[in-house]
Protein backbone atom coordinates (compact mmCIF):
# COMPACT_ATOMS: atom_id res chain seq x y z
CA MET A 1 -21.23 -40.56 18.53
CA LEU A 2 -22.64 -37.06 18.10
CA THR A 3 -22.70 -34.74 21.05
CA THR A 4 -24.34 -31.41 21.77
CA ASP A 5 -21.84 -30.47 24.40
CA ALA A 6 -21.80 -26.66 24.57
CA HIS A 7 -18.02 -26.53 25.03
CA PHE A 8 -17.46 -28.65 21.93
CA LEU A 9 -19.79 -26.50 19.82
CA LEU A 10 -18.17 -23.31 21.06
CA THR A 11 -14.70 -24.68 20.29
CA LEU A 12 -15.86 -25.72 16.83
CA HIS A 13 -17.29 -22.24 16.22
CA HIS A 14 -14.07 -20.53 17.36
CA THR A 15 -11.95 -22.83 15.20
CA HIS A 16 -14.08 -22.07 12.14
CA ALA A 17 -14.00 -18.34 12.86
CA ASP A 18 -10.20 -18.49 13.20
CA GLU A 19 -9.94 -20.31 9.86
CA LEU A 20 -12.13 -17.70 8.15
CA ARG A 21 -10.06 -14.90 9.70
CA ALA A 22 -6.83 -16.54 8.51
CA GLU A 23 -8.22 -16.88 4.97
CA ALA A 24 -9.26 -13.22 4.95
CA ASP A 25 -5.82 -12.15 6.20
CA SER A 26 -4.16 -14.28 3.54
CA ALA A 27 -6.33 -12.78 0.80
CA ARG A 28 -5.66 -9.26 2.09
CA LEU A 29 -1.91 -9.91 2.13
CA ALA A 30 -2.06 -11.29 -1.42
CA ARG A 31 -3.86 -8.15 -2.63
CA VAL A 32 -1.25 -5.89 -1.00
CA ALA A 33 1.65 -7.92 -2.44
CA THR A 34 0.08 -7.86 -5.90
CA ARG A 35 -0.46 -4.12 -5.70
CA ARG A 36 3.16 -3.51 -4.69
CA SER A 37 4.52 -5.67 -7.50
CA ARG A 38 2.75 -3.50 -10.09
CA ARG A 39 4.79 -0.44 -9.12
CA ASN A 40 7.55 0.81 -11.35
CA PRO A 41 10.80 -0.90 -10.17
CA ALA A 42 12.97 2.02 -11.33
CA GLN A 43 10.88 4.45 -9.33
CA ALA A 44 11.09 2.22 -6.25
CA ALA A 45 14.89 1.98 -6.62
CA ARG A 46 15.20 5.78 -6.79
CA ARG A 47 13.01 6.14 -3.72
CA HIS A 48 15.09 3.55 -1.85
CA HIS A 49 18.33 5.32 -2.83
CA ARG A 50 16.97 8.69 -1.74
CA ASP A 51 15.78 7.28 1.62
CA ALA A 52 19.11 5.57 2.26
CA ALA A 53 21.02 8.78 1.49
CA SER A 54 18.90 10.77 3.93
CA ARG A 55 19.70 8.27 6.71
CA SER A 56 23.45 8.13 6.15
CA PRO A 57 25.68 10.02 8.61
CA ALA A 58 27.54 11.72 5.73
CA ALA A 59 24.32 13.42 4.64
CA ARG A 60 23.97 15.22 7.97
């Protein structure tokens, strides 16, 4: 049976809004991950090595 209960409609609206927000977050995360994967792996490895060296106690 259909109902026009305000609480039910509000819950339905919030659920749908949460689903849309989750889809947008997922799409945003996919774009960021895709963008990062296009970077040059050799350049990323050099950057990682340089950052690790600057954090090591021997470098101080």
